[in-house]
Amino acid sequence: MVHNYTEEAVRRALPDVLQEYRLAHPDTCDCQRCREDILALSLNQLPPHYVASNEGTIFTKVSFDQIGGKAQVIAAITNAIKTVSAHPRH
């Protein structure tokens, strides 16, 4: 099955990044709609990395971690949190 590894990485990092952001900005909403908006905005900022096998997922994860992919994911999520916080749709 083909899937976008970038989406998996963002979904995995989102709870921790949002929790850390809320420590400094306690008024940040984390309702389901805001989380989905943050996810969508984050993914729109990042290039997709499609994989079609477990081996592809492992290879992509390793290369993602080695070339700063994790930092890009955190930066994209943080930017998305700021945008959604400034203009929540709930």
PDB file of N, CA and C in Angstrom:
ATOM      1  N   MET A   1       0.838  -1.175   0.000  1.00  0.00           N
ATOM      2  CA  MET A   1       0.000   0.000   0.000  1.00  0.00           C
ATOM      3  C   MET A   1       0.890   1.248   0.000  1.00  0.00           C
ATOM      4  N   VAL A   2       0.582   2.174  -0.844  1.00  0.00           N
ATOM      5  CA  VAL A   2       1.344   3.404  -0.951  1.00  0.00           C
ATOM      6  C   VAL A   2       0.847   4.403   0.093  1.00  0.00           C
ATOM      7  N   HIS A   3       1.792   5.019   0.799  1.00  0.00           N
ATOM      8  CA  HIS A   3       1.401   6.078   1.729  1.00  0.00           C
ATOM      9  C   HIS A   3       2.490   7.148   1.784  1.00  0.00           C
ATOM     10  N   ASN A   4       2.100   8.298   2.277  1.00  0.00           N
ATOM     11  CA  ASN A   4       2.981   9.448   2.370  1.00  0.00           C
ATOM     12  C   ASN A   4       3.683   9.406   3.722  1.00  0.00           C
ATOM     13  N   TYR A   5       4.987   9.129   3.718  1.00  0.00           N
ATOM     14  CA  TYR A   5       5.728   9.042   4.976  1.00  0.00           C
ATOM     15  C   TYR A   5       5.733  10.387   5.702  1.00  0.00           C
ATOM     16  N   THR A   6       5.724  11.481   4.964  1.00  0.00           N
ATOM     17  CA  THR A   6       5.710  12.799   5.594  1.00  0.00           C
ATOM     18  C   THR A   6       4.486  12.936   6.492  1.00  0.00           C
ATOM     19  N   GLU A   7       3.339  12.441   6.041  1.00  0.00           N
ATOM     20  CA  GLU A   7       2.131  12.513   6.862  1.00  0.00           C
ATOM     21  C   GLU A   7       2.314  11.712   8.149  1.00  0.00           C
ATOM     22  N   GLU A   8       2.899  10.552   8.027  1.00  0.00           N
ATOM     23  CA  GLU A   8       3.155   9.725   9.207  1.00  0.00           C
ATOM     24  C   GLU A   8       4.072  10.459  10.185  1.00  0.00           C
ATOM     25  N   ALA A   9       5.112  11.090   9.685  1.00  0.00           N
ATOM     26  CA  ALA A   9       6.058  11.820  10.535  1.00  0.00           C
ATOM     27  C   ALA A   9       5.384  12.998  11.231  1.00  0.00           C
ATOM     28  N   VAL A  10       4.535  13.720  10.497  1.00  0.00           N
ATOM     29  CA  VAL A  10       3.836  14.866  11.083  1.00  0.00           C
ATOM     30  C   VAL A  10       2.839  14.396  12.142  1.00  0.00           C
ATOM     31  N   ARG A  11       2.084  13.353  11.838  1.00  0.00           N
ATOM     32  CA  ARG A  11       1.117  12.832  12.810  1.00  0.00           C
ATOM     33  C   ARG A  11       1.811  12.369  14.092  1.00  0.00           C
ATOM     34  N   ARG A  12       2.987  11.783  13.955  1.00  0.00           N
ATOM     35  CA  ARG A  12       3.729  11.305  15.114  1.00  0.00           C
ATOM     36  C   ARG A  12       4.270  12.463  15.951  1.00  0.00           C
ATOM     37  N   ALA A  13       4.737  13.521  15.294  1.00  0.00           N
ATOM     38  CA  ALA A  13       5.365  14.640  16.002  1.00  0.00           C
ATOM     39  C   ALA A  13       4.358  15.653  16.548  1.00  0.00           C
ATOM     40  N   LEU A  14       3.198  15.745  15.937  1.00  0.00           N
ATOM     41  CA  LEU A  14       2.230  16.785  16.283  1.00  0.00           C
ATOM     42  C   LEU A  14       1.879  16.849  17.773  1.00  0.00           C
ATOM     43  N   PRO A  15       1.530  15.759  18.434  1.00  0.00           N
ATOM     44  CA  PRO A  15       1.155  15.868  19.851  1.00  0.00           C
ATOM     45  C   PRO A  15       2.266  16.470  20.722  1.00  0.00           C
ATOM     46  N   ASP A  16       3.498  16.036  20.508  1.00  0.00           N
ATOM     47  CA  ASP A  16       4.604  16.539  21.323  1.00  0.00           C
ATOM     48  C   ASP A  16       4.903  18.008  21.034  1.00  0.00           C
ATOM     49  N   VAL A  17       4.901  18.377  19.757  1.00  0.00           N
ATOM     50  CA  VAL A  17       5.189  19.770  19.392  1.00  0.00           C
ATOM     51  C   VAL A  17       4.082  20.676  19.924  1.00  0.00           C
ATOM     52  N   LEU A  18       2.838  20.249  19.785  1.00  0.00           N
ATOM     53  CA  LEU A  18       1.716  21.045  20.278  1.00  0.00           C
ATOM     54  C   LEU A  18       1.769  21.187  21.806  1.00  0.00           C
ATOM     55  N   GLN A  19       2.081  20.110  22.493  1.00  0.00           N
ATOM     56  CA  GLN A  19       2.183  20.154  23.946  1.00  0.00           C
ATOM     57  C   GLN A  19       3.297  21.106  24.372  1.00  0.00           C
ATOM     58  N   GLU A  20       4.428  21.029  23.731  1.00  0.00           N
ATOM     59  CA  GLU A  20       5.557  21.913  24.049  1.00  0.00           C
ATOM     60  C   GLU A  20       5.195  23.372  23.764  1.00  0.00           C
ATOM     61  N   TYR A  21       4.514  23.620  22.646  1.00  0.00           N
ATOM     62  CA  TYR A  21       4.106  24.978  22.288  1.00  0.00           C
ATOM     63  C   TYR A  21       3.124  25.532  23.318  1.00  0.00           C
ATOM     64  N   ARG A  22       2.215  24.676  23.795  1.00  0.00           N
ATOM     65  CA  ARG A  22       1.207  25.111  24.765  1.00  0.00           C
ATOM     66  C   ARG A  22       1.816  25.460  26.119  1.00  0.00           C
ATOM     67  N   LEU A  23       2.987  24.935  26.429  1.00  0.00           N
ATOM     68  CA  LEU A  23       3.654  25.308  27.681  1.00  0.00           C
ATOM     69  C   LEU A  23       3.990  26.800  27.676  1.00  0.00           C
ATOM     70  N   ALA A  24       4.419  27.308  26.527  1.00  0.00           N
ATOM     71  CA  ALA A  24       4.766  28.722  26.408  1.00  0.00           C
ATOM     72  C   ALA A  24       3.566  29.589  26.045  1.00  0.00           C
ATOM     73  N   HIS A  25       2.556  28.972  25.429  1.00  0.00           N
ATOM     74  CA  HIS A  25       1.352  29.688  24.984  1.00  0.00           C
ATOM     75  C   HIS A  25       0.114  28.916  25.432  1.00  0.00           C
ATOM     76  N   PRO A  26      -0.250  29.008  26.719  1.00  0.00           N
ATOM     77  CA  PRO A  26      -1.335  28.186  27.269  1.00  0.00           C
ATOM     78  C   PRO A  26      -2.705  28.431  26.643  1.00  0.00           C
ATOM     79  N   ASP A  27      -2.885  29.554  25.980  1.00  0.00           N
ATOM     80  CA  ASP A  27      -4.180  29.841  25.371  1.00  0.00           C
ATOM     81  C   ASP A  27      -4.348  29.171  24.004  1.00  0.00           C
ATOM     82  N   THR A  28      -3.350  28.417  23.561  1.00  0.00           N
ATOM     83  CA  THR A  28      -3.417  27.725  22.268  1.00  0.00           C
ATOM     84  C   THR A  28      -4.439  26.597  22.329  1.00  0.00           C
ATOM     85  N   CYS A  29      -5.371  26.614  21.402  1.00  0.00           N
ATOM     86  CA  CYS A  29      -6.422  25.597  21.363  1.00  0.00           C
ATOM     87  C   CYS A  29      -5.871  24.290  20.796  1.00  0.00           C
ATOM     88  N   ASP A  30      -6.298  23.175  21.359  1.00  0.00           N
ATOM     89  CA  ASP A  30      -5.908  21.873  20.812  1.00  0.00           C
ATOM     90  C   ASP A  30      -7.128  20.988  20.557  1.00  0.00           C
ATOM     91  N   CYS A  31      -8.244  21.635  20.220  1.00  0.00           N
ATOM     92  CA  CYS A  31      -9.437  20.865  19.872  1.00  0.00           C
ATOM     93  C   CYS A  31      -9.184  20.089  18.569  1.00  0.00           C
ATOM     94  N   GLN A  32     -10.048  19.136  18.279  1.00  0.00           N
ATOM     95  CA  GLN A  32      -9.874  18.281  17.117  1.00  0.00           C
ATOM     96  C   GLN A  32      -9.804  19.088  15.816  1.00  0.00           C
ATOM     97  N   ARG A  33     -10.658  20.077  15.667  1.00  0.00           N
ATOM     98  CA  ARG A  33     -10.658  20.866  14.437  1.00  0.00           C
ATOM     99  C   ARG A  33      -9.344  21.636  14.269  1.00  0.00           C
ATOM    100  N   CYS A  34      -8.860  22.237  15.352  1.00  0.00           N
ATOM    101  CA  CYS A  34      -7.592  22.958  15.281  1.00  0.00           C
ATOM    102  C   CYS A  34      -6.443  21.994  14.972  1.00  0.00           C
ATOM    103  N   ARG A  35      -6.460  20.818  15.580  1.00  0.00           N
ATOM    104  CA  ARG A  35      -5.420  19.814  15.292  1.00  0.00           C
ATOM    105  C   ARG A  35      -5.431  19.410  13.815  1.00  0.00           C
ATOM    106  N   GLU A  36      -6.614  19.216  13.260  1.00  0.00           N
ATOM    107  CA  GLU A  36      -6.714  18.849  11.846  1.00  0.00           C
ATOM    108  C   GLU A  36      -6.246  19.981  10.946  1.00  0.00           C
ATOM    109  N   ASP A  37      -6.574  21.220  11.322  1.00  0.00           N
ATOM    110  CA  ASP A  37      -6.091  22.367  10.549  1.00  0.00           C
ATOM    111  C   ASP A  37      -4.565  22.470  10.622  1.00  0.00           C
ATOM    112  N   ILE A  38      -4.010  22.236  11.802  1.00  0.00           N
ATOM    113  CA  ILE A  38      -2.555  22.261  11.966  1.00  0.00           C
ATOM    114  C   ILE A  38      -1.914  21.168  11.118  1.00  0.00           C
ATOM    115  N   LEU A  39      -2.492  19.984  11.140  1.00  0.00           N
ATOM    116  CA  LEU A  39      -1.984  18.876  10.340  1.00  0.00           C
ATOM    117  C   LEU A  39      -2.002  19.231   8.857  1.00  0.00           C
ATOM    118  N   ALA A  40      -3.122  19.739   8.376  1.00  0.00           N
ATOM    119  CA  ALA A  40      -3.240  20.079   6.950  1.00  0.00           C
ATOM    120  C   ALA A  40      -2.254  21.172   6.552  1.00  0.00           C
ATOM    121  N   LEU A  41      -2.160  22.220   7.353  1.00  0.00           N
ATOM    122  CA  LEU A  41      -1.227  23.304   7.035  1.00  0.00           C
ATOM    123  C   LEU A  41       0.220  22.819   7.065  1.00  0.00           C
ATOM    124  N   SER A  42       0.542  21.980   8.025  1.00  0.00           N
ATOM    125  CA  SER A  42       1.899  21.429   8.104  1.00  0.00           C
ATOM    126  C   SER A  42       2.238  20.630   6.859  1.00  0.00           C
ATOM    127  N   LEU A  43       1.327  19.755   6.459  1.00  0.00           N
ATOM    128  CA  LEU A  43       1.574  18.919   5.287  1.00  0.00           C
ATOM    129  C   LEU A  43       1.685  19.741   4.014  1.00  0.00           C
ATOM    130  N   ASN A  44       0.956  20.842   3.925  1.00  0.00           N
ATOM    131  CA  ASN A  44       1.045  21.694   2.747  1.00  0.00           C
ATOM    132  C   ASN A  44       2.379  22.430   2.666  1.00  0.00           C
ATOM    133  N   GLN A  45       3.094  22.538   3.774  1.00  0.00           N
ATOM    134  CA  GLN A  45       4.397  23.191   3.792  1.00  0.00           C
ATOM    135  C   GLN A  45       5.546  22.231   3.469  1.00  0.00           C
ATOM    136  N   LEU A  46       5.285  20.952   3.533  1.00  0.00           N
ATOM    137  CA  LEU A  46       6.334  19.944   3.394  1.00  0.00           C
ATOM    138  C   LEU A  46       6.181  19.135   2.113  1.00  0.00           C
ATOM    139  N   PRO A  47       7.301  18.705   1.523  1.00  0.00           N
ATOM    140  CA  PRO A  47       7.202  17.848   0.338  1.00  0.00           C
ATOM    141  C   PRO A  47       6.761  16.441   0.729  1.00  0.00           C
ATOM    142  N   PRO A  48       5.961  15.793  -0.101  1.00  0.00           N
ATOM    143  CA  PRO A  48       5.555  14.416   0.199  1.00  0.00           C
ATOM    144  C   PRO A  48       6.706  13.443  -0.046  1.00  0.00           C
ATOM    145  N   HIS A  49       6.701  12.356   0.676  1.00  0.00           N
ATOM    146  CA  HIS A  49       7.662  11.260   0.495  1.00  0.00           C
ATOM    147  C   HIS A  49       6.854   9.970   0.475  1.00  0.00           C
ATOM    148  N   TYR A  50       6.484   9.515  -0.720  1.00  0.00           N
ATOM    149  CA  TYR A  50       5.650   8.327  -0.849  1.00  0.00           C
ATOM    150  C   TYR A  50       6.493   7.062  -0.801  1.00  0.00           C
ATOM    151  N   VAL A  51       5.986   6.069  -0.080  1.00  0.00           N
ATOM    152  CA  VAL A  51       6.635   4.776   0.016  1.00  0.00           C
ATOM    153  C   VAL A  51       5.598   3.691  -0.272  1.00  0.00           C
ATOM    154  N   ALA A  52       6.097   2.546  -0.736  1.00  0.00           N
ATOM    155  CA  ALA A  52       5.185   1.467  -1.105  1.00  0.00           C
ATOM    156  C   ALA A  52       5.497   0.157  -0.389  1.00  0.00           C
ATOM    157  N   SER A  53       6.457   0.172   0.540  1.00  0.00           N
ATOM    158  CA  SER A  53       6.798  -1.049   1.259  1.00  0.00           C
ATOM    159  C   SER A  53       7.353  -0.710   2.628  1.00  0.00           C
ATOM    160  N   ASN A  54       7.453  -1.721   3.472  1.00  0.00           N
ATOM    161  CA  ASN A  54       8.058  -1.522   4.793  1.00  0.00           C
ATOM    162  C   ASN A  54       9.519  -1.117   4.661  1.00  0.00           C
ATOM    163  N   GLU A  55      10.214  -1.716   3.682  1.00  0.00           N
ATOM    164  CA  GLU A  55      11.613  -1.365   3.460  1.00  0.00           C
ATOM    165  C   GLU A  55      11.731   0.101   3.041  1.00  0.00           C
ATOM    166  N   GLY A  56      10.813   0.548   2.210  1.00  0.00           N
ATOM    167  CA  GLY A  56      10.808   1.947   1.788  1.00  0.00           C
ATOM    168  C   GLY A  56      10.557   2.880   2.955  1.00  0.00           C
ATOM    169  N   THR A  57       9.676   2.460   3.853  1.00  0.00           N
ATOM    170  CA  THR A  57       9.387   3.260   5.045  1.00  0.00           C
ATOM    171  C   THR A  57      10.624   3.371   5.917  1.00  0.00           C
ATOM    172  N   ILE A  58      11.314   2.271   6.125  1.00  0.00           N
ATOM    173  CA  ILE A  58      12.519   2.272   6.962  1.00  0.00           C
ATOM    174  C   ILE A  58      13.594   3.140   6.325  1.00  0.00           C
ATOM    175  N   PHE A  59      13.822   2.967   5.044  1.00  0.00           N
ATOM    176  CA  PHE A  59      14.831   3.762   4.335  1.00  0.00           C
ATOM    177  C   PHE A  59      14.492   5.243   4.407  1.00  0.00           C
ATOM    178  N   THR A  60      13.235   5.580   4.173  1.00  0.00           N
ATOM    179  CA  THR A  60      12.807   6.981   4.199  1.00  0.00           C
ATOM    180  C   THR A  60      12.941   7.558   5.598  1.00  0.00           C
ATOM    181  N   LYS A  61      12.586   6.774   6.623  1.00  0.00           N
ATOM    182  CA  LYS A  61      12.715   7.249   8.005  1.00  0.00           C
ATOM    183  C   LYS A  61      14.168   7.565   8.329  1.00  0.00           C
ATOM    184  N   VAL A  62      15.074   6.683   7.967  1.00  0.00           N
ATOM    185  CA  VAL A  62      16.499   6.888   8.247  1.00  0.00           C
ATOM    186  C   VAL A  62      17.006   8.123   7.506  1.00  0.00           C
ATOM    187  N   SER A  63      16.690   8.239   6.229  1.00  0.00           N
ATOM    188  CA  SER A  63      17.171   9.395   5.472  1.00  0.00           C
ATOM    189  C   SER A  63      16.498  10.680   5.964  1.00  0.00           C
ATOM    190  N   PHE A  64      15.252  10.594   6.356  1.00  0.00           N
ATOM    191  CA  PHE A  64      14.516  11.746   6.897  1.00  0.00           C
ATOM    192  C   PHE A  64      15.220  12.267   8.149  1.00  0.00           C
ATOM    193  N   ASP A  65      15.602  11.361   9.033  1.00  0.00           N
ATOM    194  CA  ASP A  65      16.249  11.747  10.278  1.00  0.00           C
ATOM    195  C   ASP A  65      17.666  12.277  10.052  1.00  0.00           C
ATOM    196  N   GLN A  66      18.348  11.769   9.031  1.00  0.00           N
ATOM    197  CA  GLN A  66      19.727  12.174   8.790  1.00  0.00           C
ATOM    198  C   GLN A  66      19.854  13.503   8.060  1.00  0.00           C
ATOM    199  N   ILE A  67      18.885  13.867   7.249  1.00  0.00           N
ATOM    200  CA  ILE A  67      19.018  15.095   6.458  1.00  0.00           C
ATOM    201  C   ILE A  67      18.187  16.249   6.997  1.00  0.00           C
ATOM    202  N   GLY A  68      17.827  16.180   8.249  1.00  0.00           N
ATOM    203  CA  GLY A  68      17.107  17.292   8.857  1.00  0.00           C
ATOM    204  C   GLY A  68      15.617  17.288   8.618  1.00  0.00           C
ATOM    205  N   GLY A  69      15.084  16.175   8.193  1.00  0.00           N
ATOM    206  CA  GLY A  69      13.650  16.085   7.957  1.00  0.00           C
ATOM    207  C   GLY A  69      12.827  16.317   9.210  1.00  0.00           C
ATOM    208  N   LYS A  70      13.329  15.828  10.329  1.00  0.00           N
ATOM    209  CA  LYS A  70      12.617  15.986  11.600  1.00  0.00           C
ATOM    210  C   LYS A  70      12.532  17.468  11.971  1.00  0.00           C
ATOM    211  N   ALA A  71      13.619  18.202  11.759  1.00  0.00           N
ATOM    212  CA  ALA A  71      13.618  19.639  12.057  1.00  0.00           C
ATOM    213  C   ALA A  71      12.640  20.374  11.151  1.00  0.00           C
ATOM    214  N   GLN A  72      12.565  19.964   9.898  1.00  0.00           N
ATOM    215  CA  GLN A  72      11.612  20.584   8.968  1.00  0.00           C
ATOM    216  C   GLN A  72      10.180  20.312   9.412  1.00  0.00           C
ATOM    217  N   VAL A  73       9.919  19.119   9.875  1.00  0.00           N
ATOM    218  CA  VAL A  73       8.585  18.755  10.353  1.00  0.00           C
ATOM    219  C   VAL A  73       8.209  19.608  11.560  1.00  0.00           C
ATOM    220  N   ILE A  74       9.121  19.735  12.508  1.00  0.00           N
ATOM    221  CA  ILE A  74       8.845  20.535  13.706  1.00  0.00           C
ATOM    222  C   ILE A  74       8.617  21.996  13.342  1.00  0.00           C
ATOM    223  N   ALA A  75       9.420  22.524  12.431  1.00  0.00           N
ATOM    224  CA  ALA A  75       9.251  23.917  12.001  1.00  0.00           C
ATOM    225  C   ALA A  75       7.913  24.115  11.303  1.00  0.00           C
ATOM    226  N   ALA A  76       7.524  23.180  10.449  1.00  0.00           N
ATOM    227  CA  ALA A  76       6.246  23.287   9.738  1.00  0.00           C
ATOM    228  C   ALA A  76       5.073  23.223  10.717  1.00  0.00           C
ATOM    229  N   ILE A  77       5.147  22.329  11.686  1.00  0.00           N
ATOM    230  CA  ILE A  77       4.082  22.217  12.683  1.00  0.00           C
ATOM    231  C   ILE A  77       3.997  23.503  13.506  1.00  0.00           C
ATOM    232  N   THR A  78       5.132  24.016  13.927  1.00  0.00           N
ATOM    233  CA  THR A  78       5.150  25.241  14.723  1.00  0.00           C
ATOM    234  C   THR A  78       4.543  26.411  13.947  1.00  0.00           C
ATOM    235  N   ASN A  79       4.913  26.555  12.678  1.00  0.00           N
ATOM    236  CA  ASN A  79       4.333  27.613  11.842  1.00  0.00           C
ATOM    237  C   ASN A  79       2.828  27.434  11.701  1.00  0.00           C
ATOM    238  N   ALA A  80       2.395  26.194  11.526  1.00  0.00           N
ATOM    239  CA  ALA A  80       0.970  25.916  11.383  1.00  0.00           C
ATOM    240  C   ALA A  80       0.221  26.223  12.681  1.00  0.00           C
ATOM    241  N   ILE A  81       0.807  25.903  13.821  1.00  0.00           N
ATOM    242  CA  ILE A  81       0.178  26.210  15.110  1.00  0.00           C
ATOM    243  C   ILE A  81      -0.016  27.712  15.240  1.00  0.00           C
ATOM    244  N   LYS A  82       0.994  28.479  14.885  1.00  0.00           N
ATOM    245  CA  LYS A  82       0.900  29.941  14.957  1.00  0.00           C
ATOM    246  C   LYS A  82      -0.219  30.460  14.067  1.00  0.00           C
ATOM    247  N   THR A  83      -0.312  29.918  12.855  1.00  0.00           N
ATOM    248  CA  THR A  83      -1.346  30.364  11.908  1.00  0.00           C
ATOM    249  C   THR A  83      -2.734  30.009  12.420  1.00  0.00           C
ATOM    250  N   VAL A  84      -2.928  28.788  12.863  1.00  0.00           N
ATOM    251  CA  VAL A  84      -4.236  28.346  13.355  1.00  0.00           C
ATOM    252  C   VAL A  84      -4.601  29.089  14.628  1.00  0.00           C
ATOM    253  N   SER A  85      -3.639  29.337  15.491  1.00  0.00           N
ATOM    254  CA  SER A  85      -3.920  30.076  16.716  1.00  0.00           C
ATOM    255  C   SER A  85      -4.381  31.506  16.422  1.00  0.00           C
ATOM    256  N   ALA A  86      -3.811  32.091  15.387  1.00  0.00           N
ATOM    257  CA  ALA A  86      -4.184  33.463  15.018  1.00  0.00           C
ATOM    258  C   ALA A  86      -5.547  33.517  14.336  1.00  0.00           C
ATOM    259  N   HIS A  87      -5.940  32.412  13.677  1.00  0.00           N
ATOM    260  CA  HIS A  87      -7.195  32.386  12.923  1.00  0.00           C
ATOM    261  C   HIS A  87      -7.925  31.051  13.114  1.00  0.00           C
ATOM    262  N   PRO A  88      -8.356  30.732  14.349  1.00  0.00           N
ATOM    263  CA  PRO A  88      -9.048  29.454  14.558  1.00  0.00           C
ATOM    264  C   PRO A  88     -10.397  29.421  13.847  1.00  0.00           C
ATOM    265  N   ARG A  89     -10.797  28.220  13.391  1.00  0.00           N
ATOM    266  CA  ARG A  89     -12.072  28.082  12.664  1.00  0.00           C
ATOM    267  C   ARG A  89     -13.168  27.445  13.514  1.00  0.00           C
ATOM    268  N   HIS A  90     -12.930  27.268  14.808  1.00  0.00           N
ATOM    269  CA  HIS A  90     -13.951  26.635  15.659  1.00  0.00           C
ATOM    270  C   HIS A  90     -14.884  27.665  16.245  1.00  0.00           C
TER     271      HIS A  90
END
